[in-house]
Amino acid sequence: MAVEVSDRPEAKRYEARVDGQLRVAGVAEYIRTTELVAFVHTEVAPEYEGRGVGSALARTALDEARASGLRVLATCLFFAGWIARHPEYQDLLYQSRSKVSD
């Protein structure tokens, strides 16, 4: 099974398609600024769950964030968990530098 992932900036999401099909097998929605990309929601169609579609979305999106010099805020539980299991991407995580406290 071949998974192709493409960025759709007009829709603010990455889309995954399987084996050249037109139907979208999964999406990773994001909010992007000039310094940061926040991954807010990931969804894979039930028939593609457990077949690497989510991993392909995460890997492609994170590789593109790295290439663009963007930090990553993983508010989506899937992305947060995926990054936790793949330490080679943990350097991308956004770290608050604020010294403000209550």
N, C-alpha and C. Protein backbone atom coordinates (compact mmCIF):
# COMPACT_ATOMS: atom_id res chain seq x y z
N MET A 1 0.84 -1.17 0.00
CA MET A 1 0.00 0.00 0.00
C MET A 1 0.89 1.24 0.00
N ALA A 2 0.71 2.11 -0.99
CA ALA A 2 1.47 3.35 -1.09
C ALA A 2 0.62 4.51 -0.59
N VAL A 3 1.18 5.29 0.35
CA VAL A 3 0.48 6.45 0.89
C VAL A 3 1.16 7.70 0.37
N GLU A 4 0.38 8.57 -0.26
CA GLU A 4 0.89 9.84 -0.76
C GLU A 4 0.28 10.95 0.07
N VAL A 5 1.14 11.82 0.61
CA VAL A 5 0.69 12.93 1.45
C VAL A 5 1.03 14.23 0.76
N SER A 6 0.06 15.15 0.75
CA SER A 6 0.29 16.47 0.16
C SER A 6 -0.27 17.55 1.07
N ASP A 7 0.41 18.69 1.04
CA ASP A 7 -0.04 19.85 1.81
C ASP A 7 -1.08 20.59 0.99
N ARG A 8 -2.17 20.94 1.61
CA ARG A 8 -3.25 21.74 1.00
C ARG A 8 -3.38 23.02 1.83
N PRO A 9 -2.47 23.99 1.61
CA PRO A 9 -2.49 25.19 2.45
C PRO A 9 -3.81 25.96 2.40
N GLU A 10 -4.51 25.92 1.28
CA GLU A 10 -5.80 26.62 1.19
C GLU A 10 -6.85 26.01 2.13
N ALA A 11 -6.69 24.73 2.45
CA ALA A 11 -7.59 24.04 3.38
C ALA A 11 -6.97 23.92 4.78
N LYS A 12 -5.72 24.35 4.92
CA LYS A 12 -4.98 24.28 6.18
C LYS A 12 -4.91 22.85 6.70
N ARG A 13 -4.50 21.96 5.79
CA ARG A 13 -4.37 20.57 6.20
C ARG A 13 -3.49 19.79 5.23
N TYR A 14 -2.95 18.70 5.75
CA TYR A 14 -2.28 17.71 4.93
C TYR A 14 -3.31 16.63 4.62
N GLU A 15 -3.25 16.10 3.41
CA GLU A 15 -4.18 15.04 3.00
C GLU A 15 -3.38 13.82 2.56
N ALA A 16 -3.86 12.66 2.95
CA ALA A 16 -3.23 11.39 2.56
C ALA A 16 -4.18 10.64 1.64
N ARG A 17 -3.61 10.12 0.57
CA ARG A 17 -4.36 9.26 -0.36
C ARG A 17 -3.58 7.96 -0.51
N VAL A 18 -4.31 6.88 -0.73
CA VAL A 18 -3.70 5.55 -0.79
C VAL A 18 -3.80 5.01 -2.22
N ASP A 19 -2.67 4.49 -2.69
CA ASP A 19 -2.61 3.81 -4.00
C ASP A 19 -3.20 4.63 -5.13
N GLY A 20 -2.96 5.95 -5.12
CA GLY A 20 -3.40 6.81 -6.21
C GLY A 20 -4.88 7.11 -6.26
N GLN A 21 -5.63 6.71 -5.26
CA GLN A 21 -7.07 6.96 -5.25
C GLN A 21 -7.35 8.44 -5.05
N LEU A 22 -8.51 8.90 -5.53
CA LEU A 22 -8.91 10.28 -5.34
C LEU A 22 -9.44 10.53 -3.93
N ARG A 23 -10.02 9.51 -3.34
CA ARG A 23 -10.61 9.63 -2.00
C ARG A 23 -9.52 9.90 -0.96
N VAL A 24 -9.80 10.83 -0.06
CA VAL A 24 -8.86 11.16 1.01
C VAL A 24 -8.97 10.09 2.10
N ALA A 25 -7.82 9.50 2.45
CA ALA A 25 -7.79 8.45 3.47
C ALA A 25 -7.54 9.01 4.86
N GLY A 26 -6.96 10.20 4.94
CA GLY A 26 -6.68 10.82 6.22
C GLY A 26 -6.28 12.26 6.07
N VAL A 27 -6.45 13.04 7.14
CA VAL A 27 -6.08 14.45 7.13
C VAL A 27 -5.40 14.82 8.45
N ALA A 28 -4.54 15.81 8.38
CA ALA A 28 -3.92 16.42 9.56
C ALA A 28 -4.13 17.92 9.40
N GLU A 29 -4.99 18.48 10.24
CA GLU A 29 -5.31 19.91 10.17
C GLU A 29 -4.30 20.70 11.00
N TYR A 30 -3.99 21.92 10.53
CA TYR A 30 -2.99 22.73 11.21
C TYR A 30 -3.33 24.21 11.15
N ILE A 31 -2.66 24.95 12.02
CA ILE A 31 -2.65 26.41 11.99
C ILE A 31 -1.17 26.79 11.88
N ARG A 32 -0.84 27.60 10.88
CA ARG A 32 0.57 27.93 10.63
C ARG A 32 0.79 29.43 10.75
N THR A 33 1.88 29.80 11.42
CA THR A 33 2.35 31.18 11.46
C THR A 33 3.73 31.20 10.81
N THR A 34 4.39 32.34 10.86
CA THR A 34 5.73 32.43 10.27
C THR A 34 6.77 31.68 11.10
N GLU A 35 6.46 31.38 12.37
CA GLU A 35 7.43 30.72 13.24
C GLU A 35 7.00 29.35 13.74
N LEU A 36 5.71 29.04 13.60
CA LEU A 36 5.16 27.88 14.29
C LEU A 36 4.06 27.22 13.45
N VAL A 37 3.97 25.90 13.56
CA VAL A 37 2.82 25.18 13.00
C VAL A 37 2.22 24.36 14.14
N ALA A 38 0.92 24.56 14.36
CA ALA A 38 0.20 23.84 15.40
C ALA A 38 -0.66 22.78 14.73
N PHE A 39 -0.45 21.53 15.08
CA PHE A 39 -1.27 20.44 14.56
C PHE A 39 -2.42 20.25 15.52
N VAL A 40 -3.64 20.48 15.01
CA VAL A 40 -4.80 20.56 15.89
C VAL A 40 -5.75 19.37 15.79
N HIS A 41 -5.71 18.64 14.68
CA HIS A 41 -6.63 17.51 14.54
C HIS A 41 -6.11 16.58 13.44
N THR A 42 -6.16 15.29 13.72
CA THR A 42 -5.79 14.27 12.74
C THR A 42 -6.90 13.24 12.71
N GLU A 43 -7.25 12.84 11.50
CA GLU A 43 -8.31 11.84 11.34
C GLU A 43 -7.97 10.92 10.18
N VAL A 44 -8.14 9.63 10.41
CA VAL A 44 -7.92 8.61 9.37
C VAL A 44 -9.22 7.85 9.20
N ALA A 45 -9.60 7.63 7.95
CA ALA A 45 -10.82 6.86 7.67
C ALA A 45 -10.70 5.48 8.31
N PRO A 46 -11.80 4.98 8.89
CA PRO A 46 -11.75 3.71 9.62
C PRO A 46 -11.11 2.55 8.85
N GLU A 47 -11.36 2.47 7.57
CA GLU A 47 -10.80 1.35 6.80
C GLU A 47 -9.29 1.44 6.60
N TYR A 48 -8.68 2.61 6.94
CA TYR A 48 -7.24 2.76 6.81
C TYR A 48 -6.52 2.83 8.15
N GLU A 49 -7.26 2.75 9.24
CA GLU A 49 -6.63 2.80 10.56
C GLU A 49 -5.68 1.62 10.74
N GLY A 50 -4.54 1.91 11.36
CA GLY A 50 -3.56 0.86 11.63
C GLY A 50 -2.75 0.43 10.43
N ARG A 51 -2.84 1.20 9.34
CA ARG A 51 -2.13 0.82 8.11
C ARG A 51 -1.06 1.83 7.71
N GLY A 52 -0.70 2.74 8.62
CA GLY A 52 0.40 3.66 8.37
C GLY A 52 0.01 5.00 7.78
N VAL A 53 -1.27 5.26 7.61
CA VAL A 53 -1.71 6.53 7.03
C VAL A 53 -1.40 7.68 7.99
N GLY A 54 -1.74 7.53 9.26
CA GLY A 54 -1.46 8.56 10.25
C GLY A 54 0.03 8.83 10.38
N SER A 55 0.82 7.77 10.37
CA SER A 55 2.28 7.94 10.46
C SER A 55 2.82 8.68 9.25
N ALA A 56 2.29 8.38 8.07
CA ALA A 56 2.73 9.08 6.86
C ALA A 56 2.37 10.56 6.94
N LEU A 57 1.19 10.87 7.45
CA LEU A 57 0.80 12.27 7.63
C LEU A 57 1.76 12.98 8.58
N ALA A 58 2.01 12.36 9.73
CA ALA A 58 2.88 12.98 10.73
C ALA A 58 4.30 13.16 10.19
N ARG A 59 4.85 12.12 9.62
CA ARG A 59 6.23 12.20 9.14
C ARG A 59 6.39 13.28 8.07
N THR A 60 5.48 13.32 7.10
CA THR A 60 5.57 14.32 6.03
C THR A 60 5.42 15.72 6.59
N ALA A 61 4.41 15.93 7.43
CA ALA A 61 4.16 17.26 7.99
C ALA A 61 5.34 17.72 8.84
N LEU A 62 5.90 16.84 9.65
CA LEU A 62 7.02 17.21 10.51
C LEU A 62 8.30 17.43 9.70
N ASP A 63 8.53 16.62 8.68
CA ASP A 63 9.69 16.84 7.81
C ASP A 63 9.60 18.20 7.11
N GLU A 64 8.39 18.57 6.68
CA GLU A 64 8.22 19.87 6.03
C GLU A 64 8.36 21.02 7.03
N ALA A 65 7.90 20.83 8.26
CA ALA A 65 8.10 21.84 9.30
C ALA A 65 9.60 22.05 9.54
N ARG A 66 10.34 20.96 9.64
CA ARG A 66 11.79 21.05 9.85
C ARG A 66 12.45 21.78 8.68
N ALA A 67 12.09 21.42 7.46
CA ALA A 67 12.69 22.05 6.28
C ALA A 67 12.38 23.55 6.21
N SER A 68 11.24 23.95 6.77
CA SER A 68 10.84 25.36 6.76
C SER A 68 11.32 26.12 7.99
N GLY A 69 11.98 25.44 8.90
CA GLY A 69 12.49 26.08 10.11
C GLY A 69 11.39 26.45 11.10
N LEU A 70 10.29 25.69 11.09
CA LEU A 70 9.16 25.97 11.98
C LEU A 70 9.22 25.11 13.23
N ARG A 71 8.81 25.68 14.35
CA ARG A 71 8.59 24.92 15.56
C ARG A 71 7.23 24.27 15.47
N VAL A 72 7.00 23.23 16.26
CA VAL A 72 5.75 22.47 16.21
C VAL A 72 5.07 22.49 17.57
N LEU A 73 3.77 22.79 17.54
CA LEU A 73 2.93 22.70 18.73
C LEU A 73 1.93 21.58 18.45
N ALA A 74 2.05 20.49 19.18
CA ALA A 74 1.22 19.31 18.93
C ALA A 74 0.04 19.29 19.90
N THR A 75 -1.02 20.05 19.58
CA THR A 75 -2.21 20.02 20.42
C THR A 75 -3.07 18.81 20.10
N CYS A 76 -2.89 18.25 18.93
CA CYS A 76 -3.58 17.02 18.54
C CYS A 76 -2.94 15.84 19.29
N LEU A 77 -3.77 15.04 19.93
CA LEU A 77 -3.26 13.90 20.70
C LEU A 77 -2.48 12.92 19.84
N PHE A 78 -2.92 12.71 18.59
CA PHE A 78 -2.19 11.79 17.72
C PHE A 78 -0.77 12.30 17.48
N PHE A 79 -0.63 13.57 17.10
CA PHE A 79 0.71 14.12 16.84
C PHE A 79 1.56 14.11 18.10
N ALA A 80 0.98 14.48 19.23
CA ALA A 80 1.74 14.48 20.49
C ALA A 80 2.27 13.08 20.80
N GLY A 81 1.41 12.08 20.67
CA GLY A 81 1.82 10.70 20.93
C GLY A 81 2.84 10.20 19.93
N TRP A 82 2.66 10.57 18.67
CA TRP A 82 3.56 10.11 17.61
C TRP A 82 4.96 10.68 17.84
N ILE A 83 5.02 11.98 18.17
CA ILE A 83 6.32 12.61 18.43
C ILE A 83 6.97 11.99 19.67
N ALA A 84 6.19 11.68 20.67
CA ALA A 84 6.73 11.05 21.89
C ALA A 84 7.38 9.70 21.57
N ARG A 85 6.84 9.00 20.58
CA ARG A 85 7.39 7.69 20.19
C ARG A 85 8.51 7.80 19.16
N HIS A 86 8.75 8.98 18.63
CA HIS A 86 9.79 9.19 17.61
C HIS A 86 10.69 10.34 18.05
N PRO A 87 11.67 10.04 18.91
CA PRO A 87 12.52 11.08 19.49
C PRO A 87 13.27 11.93 18.47
N GLU A 88 13.43 11.43 17.27
CA GLU A 88 14.15 12.21 16.26
C GLU A 88 13.38 13.46 15.84
N TYR A 89 12.12 13.59 16.28
CA TYR A 89 11.32 14.78 15.96
C TYR A 89 11.09 15.67 17.19
N GLN A 90 11.54 15.27 18.35
CA GLN A 90 11.26 16.03 19.56
C GLN A 90 11.94 17.40 19.60
N ASP A 91 13.00 17.56 18.84
CA ASP A 91 13.66 18.86 18.78
C ASP A 91 12.80 19.93 18.10
N LEU A 92 11.77 19.52 17.38
CA LEU A 92 10.89 20.47 16.71
C LEU A 92 9.87 21.09 17.65
N LEU A 93 9.64 20.48 18.81
CA LEU A 93 8.58 20.92 19.70
C LEU A 93 8.80 22.34 20.20
N TYR A 94 7.73 23.10 20.15
CA TYR A 94 7.73 24.47 20.65
C TYR A 94 7.88 24.45 22.16
N GLN A 95 8.76 25.30 22.66
CA GLN A 95 8.96 25.46 24.10
C GLN A 95 8.68 26.91 24.45
N SER A 96 7.74 27.14 25.35
CA SER A 96 7.43 28.49 25.78
C SER A 96 8.65 29.09 26.47
N ARG A 97 8.96 30.29 26.11
CA ARG A 97 10.11 30.96 26.70
C ARG A 97 9.67 32.06 27.68
N SER A 98 8.40 32.12 27.96
CA SER A 98 7.87 33.15 28.85
C SER A 98 8.36 32.92 30.28
N LYS A 99 8.71 33.99 30.94
CA LYS A 99 9.14 33.95 32.34
C LYS A 99 8.02 34.44 33.25
N VAL A 100 6.85 34.71 32.67
CA VAL A 100 5.72 35.23 33.44
C VAL A 100 5.14 34.13 34.31
N SER A 101 4.83 34.44 35.55
CA SER A 101 4.18 33.48 36.44
C SER A 101 3.07 34.20 37.20
N ASP A 102 2.24 33.44 37.86
CA ASP A 102 1.12 34.03 38.62
C ASP A 102 1.58 34.77 39.81
